[in-house]
């Protein structure tokens, strides 16, 4: 599953290009003031994952 946050469509384009990967979870978002958008930051923090699982982020 890829979760994306996009205001202009650029992050949507990147998310669609990542659909063919075998990753279980990924986040795509624009950088706001040198960091993750706050609404997405709290959503990422709430994700529960096993220690051997990984999550990819693309900004």
C-alpha atoms as a PDB file:
ATOM      1  CA  UNK A   1       0.000   0.000   0.000  1.00  0.00           C
ATOM      2  CA  UNK A   2       1.260   3.443  -0.862  1.00  0.00           C
ATOM      3  CA  UNK A   3      -0.102   6.432   1.044  1.00  0.00           C
ATOM      4  CA  UNK A   4       0.455   9.764  -0.684  1.00  0.00           C
ATOM      5  CA  UNK A   5      -0.215  13.400   0.122  1.00  0.00           C
ATOM      6  CA  UNK A   6      -0.228  15.737  -2.840  1.00  0.00           C
ATOM      7  CA  UNK A   7      -1.329  19.298  -3.408  1.00  0.00           C
ATOM      8  CA  UNK A   8      -0.156  19.688  -6.998  1.00  0.00           C
ATOM      9  CA  UNK A   9      -0.146  16.116  -8.308  1.00  0.00           C
ATOM     10  CA  UNK A  10       3.624  15.604  -8.243  1.00  0.00           C
ATOM     11  CA  UNK A  11       3.480  13.196  -5.285  1.00  0.00           C
ATOM     12  CA  UNK A  12       0.613  11.334  -6.964  1.00  0.00           C
ATOM     13  CA  UNK A  13       2.805  10.839 -10.032  1.00  0.00           C
ATOM     14  CA  UNK A  14       5.622   9.417  -7.893  1.00  0.00           C
ATOM     15  CA  UNK A  15       3.186   7.175  -5.980  1.00  0.00           C
ATOM     16  CA  UNK A  16       1.795   5.765  -9.210  1.00  0.00           C
ATOM     17  CA  UNK A  17       5.306   5.009 -10.455  1.00  0.00           C
ATOM     18  CA  UNK A  18       6.012   3.048  -7.251  1.00  0.00           C
ATOM     19  CA  UNK A  19       2.984   0.779  -7.548  1.00  0.00           C
ATOM     20  CA  UNK A  20       5.037  -1.978  -9.180  1.00  0.00           C
ATOM     21  CA  UNK A  21       7.406  -2.345  -6.218  1.00  0.00           C
ATOM     22  CA  UNK A  22       7.094  -5.187  -3.722  1.00  0.00           C
ATOM     23  CA  UNK A  23       7.054  -2.916  -0.687  1.00  0.00           C
ATOM     24  CA  UNK A  24       4.298  -3.526   1.839  1.00  0.00           C
ATOM     25  CA  UNK A  25       4.000   0.106   2.888  1.00  0.00           C
ATOM     26  CA  UNK A  26       5.225   3.385   1.461  1.00  0.00           C
ATOM     27  CA  UNK A  27       4.621   7.083   1.999  1.00  0.00           C
ATOM     28  CA  UNK A  28       5.026   9.772  -0.658  1.00  0.00           C
ATOM     29  CA  UNK A  29       4.769  13.429   0.278  1.00  0.00           C
ATOM     30  CA  UNK A  30       6.101  16.903  -0.510  1.00  0.00           C
ATOM     31  CA  UNK A  31       8.518  18.536   1.918  1.00  0.00           C
ATOM     32  CA  UNK A  32       6.956  21.410   3.863  1.00  0.00           C
ATOM     33  CA  UNK A  33       9.419  23.773   5.541  1.00  0.00           C
ATOM     34  CA  UNK A  34      12.172  21.097   5.583  1.00  0.00           C
ATOM     35  CA  UNK A  35       9.953  18.426   7.159  1.00  0.00           C
ATOM     36  CA  UNK A  36       7.003  16.088   6.677  1.00  0.00           C
ATOM     37  CA  UNK A  37       3.552  17.736   6.534  1.00  0.00           C
ATOM     38  CA  UNK A  38       2.188  17.626  10.095  1.00  0.00           C
ATOM     39  CA  UNK A  39      -1.025  15.749   9.262  1.00  0.00           C
ATOM     40  CA  UNK A  40       0.975  13.006   7.581  1.00  0.00           C
ATOM     41  CA  UNK A  41       3.621  12.961  10.327  1.00  0.00           C
ATOM     42  CA  UNK A  42       1.032  11.934  12.932  1.00  0.00           C
ATOM     43  CA  UNK A  43      -0.392   9.285  10.620  1.00  0.00           C
ATOM     44  CA  UNK A  44       3.070   7.783  10.050  1.00  0.00           C
ATOM     45  CA  UNK A  45       3.711   7.725  13.804  1.00  0.00           C
ATOM     46  CA  UNK A  46       0.543   5.705  14.400  1.00  0.00           C
ATOM     47  CA  UNK A  47       1.569   2.848  12.089  1.00  0.00           C
ATOM     48  CA  UNK A  48       2.364  -0.347  13.977  1.00  0.00           C
ATOM     49  CA  UNK A  49       4.955  -2.575  12.321  1.00  0.00           C
ATOM     50  CA  UNK A  50       6.997  -5.597  13.324  1.00  0.00           C
ATOM     51  CA  UNK A  51      10.700  -4.992  13.932  1.00  0.00           C
ATOM     52  CA  UNK A  52      11.700  -6.921  10.804  1.00  0.00           C
ATOM     53  CA  UNK A  53       9.385  -4.927   8.515  1.00  0.00           C
ATOM     54  CA  UNK A  54      10.419  -1.724   6.797  1.00  0.00           C
ATOM     55  CA  UNK A  55       8.623   1.268   5.400  1.00  0.00           C
ATOM     56  CA  UNK A  56       9.808   3.447   2.527  1.00  0.00           C
ATOM     57  CA  UNK A  57       9.288   7.195   2.345  1.00  0.00           C
ATOM     58  CA  UNK A  58       9.798   9.392  -0.685  1.00  0.00           C
ATOM     59  CA  UNK A  59       9.784  13.166  -0.501  1.00  0.00           C
END
